All heavy atoms as atom14 arrays in JSON, in Angstrom:
{
  "sequence": "ELAGDRLRQLPAGQYKVENEILKTKRDNIKMLIRLPETLILHIESPVE",
  "atom14_mask": [
    [1, 1, 1, 1, 1, 1, 1, 1, 1, 0, 0, 0, 0, 0],
    [1, 1, 1, 1, 1, 1, 1, 1, 0, 0, 0, 0, 0, 0],
    [1, 1, 1, 1, 1, 0, 0, 0, 0, 0, 0, 0, 0, 0],
    [1, 1, 1, 1, 0, 0, 0, 0, 0, 0, 0, 0, 0, 0],
    [1, 1, 1, 1, 1, 1, 1, 1, 0, 0, 0, 0, 0, 0],
    [1, 1, 1, 1, 1, 1, 1, 1, 1, 1, 1, 0, 0, 0],
    [1, 1, 1, 1, 1, 1, 1, 1, 0, 0, 0, 0, 0, 0],
    [1, 1, 1, 1, 1, 1, 1, 1, 1, 1, 1, 0, 0, 0],
    [1, 1, 1, 1, 1, 1, 1, 1, 1, 0, 0, 0, 0, 0],
    [1, 1, 1, 1, 1, 1, 1, 1, 0, 0, 0, 0, 0, 0],
    [1, 1, 1, 1, 1, 1, 1, 0, 0, 0, 0, 0, 0, 0],
    [1, 1, 1, 1, 1, 0, 0, 0, 0, 0, 0, 0, 0, 0],
    [1, 1, 1, 1, 0, 0, 0, 0, 0, 0, 0, 0, 0, 0],
    [1, 1, 1, 1, 1, 1, 1, 1, 1, 0, 0, 0, 0, 0],
    [1, 1, 1, 1, 1, 1, 1, 1, 1, 1, 1, 1, 0, 0],
    [1, 1, 1, 1, 1, 1, 1, 1, 1, 0, 0, 0, 0, 0],
    [1, 1, 1, 1, 1, 1, 1, 0, 0, 0, 0, 0, 0, 0],
    [1, 1, 1, 1, 1, 1, 1, 1, 1, 0, 0, 0, 0, 0],
    [1, 1, 1, 1, 1, 1, 1, 1, 0, 0, 0, 0, 0, 0],
    [1, 1, 1, 1, 1, 1, 1, 1, 1, 0, 0, 0, 0, 0],
    [1, 1, 1, 1, 1, 1, 1, 1, 0, 0, 0, 0, 0, 0],
    [1, 1, 1, 1, 1, 1, 1, 1, 0, 0, 0, 0, 0, 0],
    [1, 1, 1, 1, 1, 1, 1, 1, 1, 0, 0, 0, 0, 0],
    [1, 1, 1, 1, 1, 1, 1, 0, 0, 0, 0, 0, 0, 0],
    [1, 1, 1, 1, 1, 1, 1, 1, 1, 0, 0, 0, 0, 0],
    [1, 1, 1, 1, 1, 1, 1, 1, 1, 1, 1, 0, 0, 0],
    [1, 1, 1, 1, 1, 1, 1, 1, 0, 0, 0, 0, 0, 0],
    [1, 1, 1, 1, 1, 1, 1, 1, 0, 0, 0, 0, 0, 0],
    [1, 1, 1, 1, 1, 1, 1, 1, 0, 0, 0, 0, 0, 0],
    [1, 1, 1, 1, 1, 1, 1, 1, 1, 0, 0, 0, 0, 0],
    [1, 1, 1, 1, 1, 1, 1, 1, 0, 0, 0, 0, 0, 0],
    [1, 1, 1, 1, 1, 1, 1, 1, 0, 0, 0, 0, 0, 0],
    [1, 1, 1, 1, 1, 1, 1, 1, 0, 0, 0, 0, 0, 0],
    [1, 1, 1, 1, 1, 1, 1, 1, 1, 1, 1, 0, 0, 0],
    [1, 1, 1, 1, 1, 1, 1, 1, 0, 0, 0, 0, 0, 0],
    [1, 1, 1, 1, 1, 1, 1, 0, 0, 0, 0, 0, 0, 0],
    [1, 1, 1, 1, 1, 1, 1, 1, 1, 0, 0, 0, 0, 0],
    [1, 1, 1, 1, 1, 1, 1, 0, 0, 0, 0, 0, 0, 0],
    [1, 1, 1, 1, 1, 1, 1, 1, 0, 0, 0, 0, 0, 0],
    [1, 1, 1, 1, 1, 1, 1, 1, 0, 0, 0, 0, 0, 0],
    [1, 1, 1, 1, 1, 1, 1, 1, 0, 0, 0, 0, 0, 0],
    [1, 1, 1, 1, 1, 1, 1, 1, 1, 1, 0, 0, 0, 0],
    [1, 1, 1, 1, 1, 1, 1, 1, 0, 0, 0, 0, 0, 0],
    [1, 1, 1, 1, 1, 1, 1, 1, 1, 0, 0, 0, 0, 0],
    [1, 1, 1, 1, 1, 1, 0, 0, 0, 0, 0, 0, 0, 0],
    [1, 1, 1, 1, 1, 1, 1, 0, 0, 0, 0, 0, 0, 0],
    [1, 1, 1, 1, 1, 1, 1, 0, 0, 0, 0, 0, 0, 0],
    [1, 1, 1, 1, 1, 1, 1, 1, 1, 0, 0, 0, 0, 0]
  ],
  "atom14_positions": [
    [[-34.25, 4.33, 10.42], [-33.93, 2.91, 10.56], [-33.16, 2.65, 11.86], [-33.39, 1.66, 12.53], [-33.13, 2.42, 9.35], [-33.06, 0.93, 9.29], [-32.67, 0.4, 7.93], [-32.59, 1.18, 6.96], [-32.43, -0.81, 7.84], [0.0, 0.0, 0.0], [0.0, 0.0, 0.0], [0.0, 0.0, 0.0], [0.0, 0.0, 0.0], [0.0, 0.0, 0.0]],
    [[-32.26, 3.56, 12.21], [-31.52, 3.41, 13.46], [-32.45, 3.51, 14.67], [-32.23, 2.83, 15.68], [-30.42, 4.47, 13.57], [-29.17, 4.23, 12.74], [-28.29, 5.48, 12.7], [-28.38, 3.05, 13.28], [0.0, 0.0, 0.0], [0.0, 0.0, 0.0], [0.0, 0.0, 0.0], [0.0, 0.0, 0.0], [0.0, 0.0, 0.0], [0.0, 0.0, 0.0]],
    [[-33.47, 4.33, 14.58], [-34.4, 4.52, 15.69], [-35.54, 3.5, 15.69], [-36.24, 3.35, 16.69], [-34.99, 5.93, 15.64], [0.0, 0.0, 0.0], [0.0, 0.0, 0.0], [0.0, 0.0, 0.0], [0.0, 0.0, 0.0], [0.0, 0.0, 0.0], [0.0, 0.0, 0.0], [0.0, 0.0, 0.0], [0.0, 0.0, 0.0], [0.0, 0.0, 0.0]],
    [[-35.69, 2.79, 14.59], [-36.81, 1.86, 14.46], [-36.61, 0.55, 15.22], [-35.58, 0.31, 15.85], [0.0, 0.0, 0.0], [0.0, 0.0, 0.0], [0.0, 0.0, 0.0], [0.0, 0.0, 0.0], [0.0, 0.0, 0.0], [0.0, 0.0, 0.0], [0.0, 0.0, 0.0], [0.0, 0.0, 0.0], [0.0, 0.0, 0.0], [0.0, 0.0, 0.0]],
    [[-37.63, -0.29, 15.14], [-37.63, -1.56, 15.86], [-36.99, -2.7, 15.09], [-36.63, -3.71, 15.69], [-39.07, -1.96, 16.19], [-39.7, -1.02, 17.21], [-38.94, -0.45, 18.03], [-40.93, -0.84, 17.18], [0.0, 0.0, 0.0], [0.0, 0.0, 0.0], [0.0, 0.0, 0.0], [0.0, 0.0, 0.0], [0.0, 0.0, 0.0], [0.0, 0.0, 0.0]],
    [[-36.82, -2.57, 13.79], [-36.3, -3.67, 12.98], [-34.94, -4.15, 13.48], [-34.73, -5.36, 13.64], [-36.21, -3.28, 11.51], [-35.79, -4.44, 10.6], [-35.47, -3.99, 9.19], [-34.21, -3.27, 9.08], [-33.01, -3.87, 9.03], [-32.91, -5.17, 9.11], [-31.92, -3.15, 8.92], [0.0, 0.0, 0.0], [0.0, 0.0, 0.0], [0.0, 0.0, 0.0]],
    [[-34.05, -3.23, 13.76], [-32.71, -3.61, 14.21], [-32.74, -4.3, 15.57], [-32.01, -5.26, 15.8], [-31.78, -2.39, 14.3], [-31.32, -1.78, 12.99], [-30.46, -0.55, 13.26], [-30.53, -2.78, 12.17], [0.0, 0.0, 0.0], [0.0, 0.0, 0.0], [0.0, 0.0, 0.0], [0.0, 0.0, 0.0], [0.0, 0.0, 0.0], [0.0, 0.0, 0.0]],
    [[-33.59, -3.84, 16.43], [-33.66, -4.4, 17.79], [-34.13, -5.84, 17.8], [-33.9, -6.57, 18.76], [-34.56, -3.54, 18.66], [-33.98, -2.18, 18.94], [-34.83, -1.41, 19.94], [-34.41, -0.02, 19.94], [-35.06, 0.96, 19.33], [-36.18, 0.71, 18.71], [-34.61, 2.19, 19.37], [0.0, 0.0, 0.0], [0.0, 0.0, 0.0], [0.0, 0.0, 0.0]],
    [[-34.8, -6.26, 16.76], [-35.31, -7.63, 16.69], [-34.28, -8.62, 16.15], [-34.52, -9.81, 16.15], [-36.57, -7.67, 15.82], [-37.7, -6.84, 16.4], [-38.87, -6.71, 15.45], [-38.84, -7.2, 14.34], [-39.92, -6.04, 15.9], [0.0, 0.0, 0.0], [0.0, 0.0, 0.0], [0.0, 0.0, 0.0], [0.0, 0.0, 0.0], [0.0, 0.0, 0.0]],
    [[-33.14, -8.12, 15.72], [-32.1, -8.97, 15.15], [-31.27, -9.62, 16.25], [-31.18, -9.1, 17.37], [-31.17, -8.14, 14.25], [-31.8, -7.5, 13.03], [-30.79, -6.58, 12.34], [-32.31, -8.55, 12.06], [0.0, 0.0, 0.0], [0.0, 0.0, 0.0], [0.0, 0.0, 0.0], [0.0, 0.0, 0.0], [0.0, 0.0, 0.0], [0.0, 0.0, 0.0]],
    [[-30.65, -10.76, 15.94], [-29.71, -11.36, 16.9], [-28.58, -10.36, 17.19], [-28.25, -9.5, 16.36], [-29.17, -12.59, 16.17], [-30.15, -12.87, 15.08], [-30.8, -11.56, 14.73], [0.0, 0.0, 0.0], [0.0, 0.0, 0.0], [0.0, 0.0, 0.0], [0.0, 0.0, 0.0], [0.0, 0.0, 0.0], [0.0, 0.0, 0.0], [0.0, 0.0, 0.0]],
    [[-27.95, -10.47, 18.34], [-26.97, -9.49, 18.81], [-25.86, -9.22, 17.8], [-25.53, -8.07, 17.52], [-26.38, -9.94, 20.14], [0.0, 0.0, 0.0], [0.0, 0.0, 0.0], [0.0, 0.0, 0.0], [0.0, 0.0, 0.0], [0.0, 0.0, 0.0], [0.0, 0.0, 0.0], [0.0, 0.0, 0.0], [0.0, 0.0, 0.0], [0.0, 0.0, 0.0]],
    [[-25.28, -10.26, 17.24], [-24.19, -10.09, 16.29], [-24.62, -9.36, 15.03], [-23.93, -8.44, 14.56], [0.0, 0.0, 0.0], [0.0, 0.0, 0.0], [0.0, 0.0, 0.0], [0.0, 0.0, 0.0], [0.0, 0.0, 0.0], [0.0, 0.0, 0.0], [0.0, 0.0, 0.0], [0.0, 0.0, 0.0], [0.0, 0.0, 0.0], [0.0, 0.0, 0.0]],
    [[-25.76, -9.76, 14.49], [-26.27, -9.11, 13.28], [-26.69, -7.67, 13.58], [-26.48, -6.77, 12.76], [-27.44, -9.91, 12.72], [-27.91, -9.41, 11.38], [-29.02, -10.27, 10.79], [-29.43, -11.27, 11.37], [-29.52, -9.86, 9.64], [0.0, 0.0, 0.0], [0.0, 0.0, 0.0], [0.0, 0.0, 0.0], [0.0, 0.0, 0.0], [0.0, 0.0, 0.0]],
    [[-27.26, -7.45, 14.77], [-27.64, -6.1, 15.17], [-26.42, -5.19, 15.17], [-26.45, -4.08, 14.62], [-28.27, -6.11, 16.56], [-28.42, -4.73, 17.16], [-29.53, -3.94, 16.84], [-27.46, -4.2, 18.02], [-29.67, -2.67, 17.36], [-27.59, -2.93, 18.55], [-28.69, -2.17, 18.22], [-28.83, -0.91, 18.74], [0.0, 0.0, 0.0], [0.0, 0.0, 0.0]],
    [[-25.33, -5.66, 15.78], [-24.12, -4.84, 15.87], [-23.58, -4.5, 14.49], [-23.24, -3.35, 14.22], [-23.06, -5.56, 16.69], [-21.78, -4.76, 16.83], [-20.98, -5.19, 18.01], [-19.69, -4.44, 18.16], [-19.81, -3.03, 18.36], [0.0, 0.0, 0.0], [0.0, 0.0, 0.0], [0.0, 0.0, 0.0], [0.0, 0.0, 0.0], [0.0, 0.0, 0.0]],
    [[-23.52, -5.49, 13.6], [-22.99, -5.26, 12.26], [-23.87, -4.26, 11.5], [-23.38, -3.28, 10.93], [-22.87, -6.59, 11.48], [-22.58, -6.34, 10.01], [-21.79, -7.47, 12.09], [0.0, 0.0, 0.0], [0.0, 0.0, 0.0], [0.0, 0.0, 0.0], [0.0, 0.0, 0.0], [0.0, 0.0, 0.0], [0.0, 0.0, 0.0], [0.0, 0.0, 0.0]],
    [[-25.16, -4.51, 11.47], [-26.06, -3.62, 10.71], [-26.11, -2.22, 11.31], [-26.17, -1.22, 10.59], [-27.46, -4.23, 10.62], [-27.47, -5.46, 9.72], [-28.85, -5.84, 9.23], [-29.71, -4.95, 9.11], [-29.04, -7.04, 8.96], [0.0, 0.0, 0.0], [0.0, 0.0, 0.0], [0.0, 0.0, 0.0], [0.0, 0.0, 0.0], [0.0, 0.0, 0.0]],
    [[-26.06, -2.14, 12.64], [-26.06, -0.84, 13.3], [-24.8, -0.05, 12.93], [-24.88, 1.15, 12.62], [-26.15, -1.04, 14.82], [-26.44, 0.23, 15.55], [-27.33, 0.99, 15.18], [-25.69, 0.47, 16.61], [0.0, 0.0, 0.0], [0.0, 0.0, 0.0], [0.0, 0.0, 0.0], [0.0, 0.0, 0.0], [0.0, 0.0, 0.0], [0.0, 0.0, 0.0]],
    [[-23.66, -0.71, 12.94], [-22.4, -0.04, 12.58], [-22.4, 0.37, 11.1], [-21.88, 1.44, 10.76], [-21.2, -0.94, 12.89], [-20.94, -1.11, 14.37], [-20.71, 0.2, 15.1], [-19.96, 1.05, 14.59], [-21.29, 0.37, 16.2], [0.0, 0.0, 0.0], [0.0, 0.0, 0.0], [0.0, 0.0, 0.0], [0.0, 0.0, 0.0], [0.0, 0.0, 0.0]],
    [[-22.95, -0.45, 10.24], [-23.03, -0.11, 8.82], [-23.89, 1.15, 8.63], [-23.51, 2.07, 7.9], [-23.59, -1.28, 7.98], [-22.54, -2.4, 7.9], [-24.01, -0.83, 6.59], [-23.06, -3.69, 7.29], [0.0, 0.0, 0.0], [0.0, 0.0, 0.0], [0.0, 0.0, 0.0], [0.0, 0.0, 0.0], [0.0, 0.0, 0.0], [0.0, 0.0, 0.0]],
    [[-25.03, 1.19, 9.3], [-25.9, 2.36, 9.18], [-25.24, 3.62, 9.75], [-25.35, 4.7, 9.16], [-27.24, 2.1, 9.88], [-28.16, 1.12, 9.16], [-29.35, 0.77, 10.04], [-28.63, 1.69, 7.83], [0.0, 0.0, 0.0], [0.0, 0.0, 0.0], [0.0, 0.0, 0.0], [0.0, 0.0, 0.0], [0.0, 0.0, 0.0], [0.0, 0.0, 0.0]],
    [[-24.53, 3.49, 10.86], [-23.83, 4.64, 11.43], [-22.75, 5.14, 10.48], [-22.56, 6.35, 10.31], [-23.2, 4.28, 12.78], [-24.2, 4.14, 13.9], [-23.45, 3.78, 15.17], [-24.35, 3.5, 16.32], [-23.59, 3.13, 17.53], [0.0, 0.0, 0.0], [0.0, 0.0, 0.0], [0.0, 0.0, 0.0], [0.0, 0.0, 0.0], [0.0, 0.0, 0.0]],
    [[-22.04, 4.2, 9.85], [-21.0, 4.59, 8.9], [-21.61, 5.27, 7.68], [-21.08, 6.28, 7.21], [-20.18, 3.35, 8.47], [-19.6, 2.77, 9.64], [-19.09, 3.71, 7.48], [0.0, 0.0, 0.0], [0.0, 0.0, 0.0], [0.0, 0.0, 0.0], [0.0, 0.0, 0.0], [0.0, 0.0, 0.0], [0.0, 0.0, 0.0], [0.0, 0.0, 0.0]],
    [[-22.72, 4.74, 7.17], [-23.41, 5.39, 6.06], [-23.83, 6.81, 6.45], [-23.67, 7.75, 5.67], [-24.65, 4.59, 5.64], [-24.35, 3.34, 4.86], [-25.66, 2.66, 4.48], [-25.42, 1.42, 3.65], [-26.69, 0.79, 3.25], [0.0, 0.0, 0.0], [0.0, 0.0, 0.0], [0.0, 0.0, 0.0], [0.0, 0.0, 0.0], [0.0, 0.0, 0.0]],
    [[-24.37, 6.94, 7.65], [-24.8, 8.26, 8.13], [-23.62, 9.23, 8.18], [-23.71, 10.37, 7.71], [-25.42, 8.11, 9.53], [-25.86, 9.43, 10.15], [-26.28, 9.27, 11.58], [-25.15, 8.78, 12.37], [-25.26, 8.26, 13.58], [-26.44, 8.14, 14.15], [-24.19, 7.86, 14.23], [0.0, 0.0, 0.0], [0.0, 0.0, 0.0], [0.0, 0.0, 0.0]],
    [[-22.5, 8.78, 8.73], [-21.32, 9.63, 8.82], [-20.79, 10.0, 7.44], [-20.36, 11.14, 7.21], [-20.23, 8.95, 9.64], [-20.62, 8.79, 11.1], [-21.58, 9.46, 11.55], [-19.96, 7.99, 11.8], [0.0, 0.0, 0.0], [0.0, 0.0, 0.0], [0.0, 0.0, 0.0], [0.0, 0.0, 0.0], [0.0, 0.0, 0.0], [0.0, 0.0, 0.0]],
    [[-20.8, 9.05, 6.51], [-20.33, 9.33, 5.15], [-21.21, 10.35, 4.45], [-20.71, 11.23, 3.73], [-20.24, 8.05, 4.33], [-19.07, 7.18, 4.73], [-18.11, 7.64, 5.33], [-19.15, 5.9, 4.41], [0.0, 0.0, 0.0], [0.0, 0.0, 0.0], [0.0, 0.0, 0.0], [0.0, 0.0, 0.0], [0.0, 0.0, 0.0], [0.0, 0.0, 0.0]],
    [[-22.5, 10.25, 4.64], [-23.42, 11.23, 4.03], [-23.18, 12.62, 4.62], [-23.14, 13.61, 3.89], [-24.89, 10.79, 4.21], [-25.17, 9.56, 3.33], [-25.85, 11.93, 3.87], [-26.52, 8.92, 3.57], [0.0, 0.0, 0.0], [0.0, 0.0, 0.0], [0.0, 0.0, 0.0], [0.0, 0.0, 0.0], [0.0, 0.0, 0.0], [0.0, 0.0, 0.0]],
    [[-22.98, 12.69, 5.92], [-22.7, 13.99, 6.55], [-21.4, 14.58, 5.99], [-21.31, 15.79, 5.77], [-22.61, 13.84, 8.06], [-23.95, 13.62, 8.72], [-23.8, 13.46, 10.22], [-25.14, 13.25, 10.9], [-25.0, 13.09, 12.36], [0.0, 0.0, 0.0], [0.0, 0.0, 0.0], [0.0, 0.0, 0.0], [0.0, 0.0, 0.0], [0.0, 0.0, 0.0]],
    [[-20.4, 13.73, 5.77], [-19.14, 14.22, 5.2], [-19.33, 14.7, 3.77], [-18.74, 15.71, 3.37], [-18.07, 13.12, 5.25], [-17.52, 12.91, 6.64], [-16.11, 11.78, 6.67], [-16.95, 10.2, 6.6], [0.0, 0.0, 0.0], [0.0, 0.0, 0.0], [0.0, 0.0, 0.0], [0.0, 0.0, 0.0], [0.0, 0.0, 0.0], [0.0, 0.0, 0.0]],
    [[-20.17, 14.01, 3.0], [-20.44, 14.46, 1.64], [-21.12, 15.82, 1.63], [-20.82, 16.67, 0.79], [-21.31, 13.44, 0.9], [-20.6, 12.18, 0.42], [-21.62, 11.18, -0.11], [-19.58, 12.52, -0.65], [0.0, 0.0, 0.0], [0.0, 0.0, 0.0], [0.0, 0.0, 0.0], [0.0, 0.0, 0.0], [0.0, 0.0, 0.0], [0.0, 0.0, 0.0]],
    [[-22.03, 16.03, 2.55], [-22.73, 17.31, 2.63], [-21.74, 18.43, 2.94], [-21.86, 19.54, 2.41], [-23.86, 17.25, 3.69], [-24.98, 16.32, 3.19], [-24.41, 18.64, 4.0], [-26.04, 16.0, 4.22], [0.0, 0.0, 0.0], [0.0, 0.0, 0.0], [0.0, 0.0, 0.0], [0.0, 0.0, 0.0], [0.0, 0.0, 0.0], [0.0, 0.0, 0.0]],
    [[-20.73, 18.14, 3.76], [-19.73, 19.15, 4.13], [-18.57, 19.23, 3.15], [-17.67, 20.05, 3.32], [-19.17, 18.84, 5.52], [-20.15, 19.02, 6.65], [-19.47, 18.89, 7.99], [-18.68, 17.67, 8.12], [-19.08, 16.55, 8.74], [-20.27, 16.51, 9.29], [-18.29, 15.5, 8.8], [0.0, 0.0, 0.0], [0.0, 0.0, 0.0], [0.0, 0.0, 0.0]],
    [[-18.55, 18.41, 2.12], [-17.41, 18.34, 1.21], [-17.01, 19.68, 0.6], [-15.82, 20.0, 0.59], [-17.67, 17.3, 0.12], [-16.53, 17.04, -0.84], [-15.28, 16.57, -0.09], [-16.94, 16.03, -1.89], [0.0, 0.0, 0.0], [0.0, 0.0, 0.0], [0.0, 0.0, 0.0], [0.0, 0.0, 0.0], [0.0, 0.0, 0.0], [0.0, 0.0, 0.0]],
    [[-17.93, 20.52, 0.13], [-17.5, 21.8, -0.44], [-16.73, 22.66, 0.57], [-15.69, 23.21, 0.24], [-18.8, 22.48, -0.86], [-19.74, 21.35, -1.12], [-19.38, 20.32, -0.09], [0.0, 0.0, 0.0], [0.0, 0.0, 0.0], [0.0, 0.0, 0.0], [0.0, 0.0, 0.0], [0.0, 0.0, 0.0], [0.0, 0.0, 0.0], [0.0, 0.0, 0.0]],
    [[-17.22, 22.73, 1.83], [-16.52, 23.52, 2.83], [-15.12, 22.95, 3.1], [-14.16, 23.69, 3.26], [-17.3, 23.57, 4.16], [-18.57, 24.36, 4.09], [-19.78, 23.45, 4.13], [-19.64, 22.26, 4.4], [-20.88, 23.97, 3.87], [0.0, 0.0, 0.0], [0.0, 0.0, 0.0], [0.0, 0.0, 0.0], [0.0, 0.0, 0.0], [0.0, 0.0, 0.0]],
    [[-15.03, 21.63, 3.14], [-13.74, 20.99, 3.37], [-12.77, 21.32, 2.26], [-11.6, 21.66, 2.51], [-13.93, 19.46, 3.49], [-14.89, 19.18, 4.52], [-12.62, 18.77, 3.83], [0.0, 0.0, 0.0], [0.0, 0.0, 0.0], [0.0, 0.0, 0.0], [0.0, 0.0, 0.0], [0.0, 0.0, 0.0], [0.0, 0.0, 0.0], [0.0, 0.0, 0.0]],
    [[-13.23, 21.22, 1.02], [-12.36, 21.53, -0.12], [-11.97, 23.0, -0.16], [-10.82, 23.34, -0.43], [-13.03, 21.12, -1.43], [-13.18, 19.61, -1.66], [-14.0, 19.35, -2.91], [-11.83, 18.94, -1.75], [0.0, 0.0, 0.0], [0.0, 0.0, 0.0], [0.0, 0.0, 0.0], [0.0, 0.0, 0.0], [0.0, 0.0, 0.0], [0.0, 0.0, 0.0]],
    [[-12.92, 23.88, 0.1], [-12.63, 25.32, 0.11], [-11.59, 25.64, 1.17], [-10.62, 26.36, 0.91], [-13.93, 26.13, 0.34], [-14.84, 26.03, -0.89], [-13.61, 27.59, 0.66], [-16.25, 26.52, -0.66], [0.0, 0.0, 0.0], [0.0, 0.0, 0.0], [0.0, 0.0, 0.0], [0.0, 0.0, 0.0], [0.0, 0.0, 0.0], [0.0, 0.0, 0.0]],
    [[-11.77, 25.09, 2.36], [-10.81, 25.34, 3.43], [-9.43, 24.81, 3.04], [-8.42, 25.47, 3.29], [-11.29, 24.68, 4.72], [-10.43, 24.93, 5.95], [-10.37, 26.42, 6.26], [-10.99, 24.18, 7.13], [0.0, 0.0, 0.0], [0.0, 0.0, 0.0], [0.0, 0.0, 0.0], [0.0, 0.0, 0.0], [0.0, 0.0, 0.0], [0.0, 0.0, 0.0]],
    [[-9.38, 23.66, 2.42], [-8.11, 23.08, 1.99], [-7.42, 23.97, 0.94], [-6.21, 24.18, 0.99], [-8.31, 21.68, 1.44], [-7.06, 21.05, 0.95], [-6.06, 20.64, 1.8], [-6.62, 20.78, -0.3], [-5.07, 20.13, 1.1], [-5.38, 20.21, -0.18], [0.0, 0.0, 0.0], [0.0, 0.0, 0.0], [0.0, 0.0, 0.0], [0.0, 0.0, 0.0]],
    [[-8.2, 24.49, 0.03], [-7.64, 25.34, -1.03], [-7.17, 26.68, -0.46], [-6.12, 27.19, -0.82], [-8.68, 25.57, -2.15], [-8.91, 24.26, -2.9], [-8.23, 26.66, -3.1], [-10.11, 24.3, -3.82], [0.0, 0.0, 0.0], [0.0, 0.0, 0.0], [0.0, 0.0, 0.0], [0.0, 0.0, 0.0], [0.0, 0.0, 0.0], [0.0, 0.0, 0.0]],
    [[-7.94, 27.25, 0.45], [-7.63, 28.56, 1.0], [-6.52, 28.54, 2.04], [-5.89, 29.56, 2.28], [-8.88, 29.2, 1.59], [-9.9, 29.6, 0.55], [-11.16, 30.18, 1.15], [-11.44, 29.94, 2.35], [-11.86, 30.9, 0.42], [0.0, 0.0, 0.0], [0.0, 0.0, 0.0], [0.0, 0.0, 0.0], [0.0, 0.0, 0.0], [0.0, 0.0, 0.0]],
    [[-6.31, 27.41, 2.68], [-5.29, 27.37, 3.74], [-3.9, 27.32, 3.11], [-3.63, 26.49, 2.26], [-5.53, 26.17, 4.65], [-5.38, 24.97, 3.94], [0.0, 0.0, 0.0], [0.0, 0.0, 0.0], [0.0, 0.0, 0.0], [0.0, 0.0, 0.0], [0.0, 0.0, 0.0], [0.0, 0.0, 0.0], [0.0, 0.0, 0.0], [0.0, 0.0, 0.0]],
    [[-3.02, 28.2, 3.56], [-1.69, 28.26, 2.97], [-0.7, 27.26, 3.57], [0.5, 27.46, 3.51], [-1.26, 29.69, 3.27], [-1.95, 30.02, 4.54], [-3.25, 29.28, 4.49], [0.0, 0.0, 0.0], [0.0, 0.0, 0.0], [0.0, 0.0, 0.0], [0.0, 0.0, 0.0], [0.0, 0.0, 0.0], [0.0, 0.0, 0.0], [0.0, 0.0, 0.0]],
    [[-1.18, 26.2, 4.14], [-0.3, 25.19, 4.73], [0.35, 24.37, 3.63], [-0.16, 24.28, 2.51], [-1.05, 24.27, 5.71], [-1.56, 25.06, 6.9], [-2.17, 23.53, 5.02], [0.0, 0.0, 0.0], [0.0, 0.0, 0.0], [0.0, 0.0, 0.0], [0.0, 0.0, 0.0], [0.0, 0.0, 0.0], [0.0, 0.0, 0.0], [0.0, 0.0, 0.0]],
    [[1.46, 23.76, 3.97], [2.14, 22.93, 2.98], [1.25, 21.75, 2.61], [0.42, 21.32, 3.42], [3.48, 22.46, 3.52], [3.39, 21.72, 4.85], [4.75, 21.49, 5.45], [5.38, 22.46, 5.88], [5.16, 20.33, 5.48], [0.0, 0.0, 0.0], [0.0, 0.0, 0.0], [0.0, 0.0, 0.0], [0.0, 0.0, 0.0], [0.0, 0.0, 0.0]]
  ]
}
């Protein structure tokens, strides 16, 4: 969807909002995929 033409056809303001929403969704999904490693590292690290 980010690479497609649908977003480019939107008015500038709507394009920016929808583009940022999609980027945020993408980043959140990537964080969910890495969640086990993040939790493991947090548990194993002896920091306060």
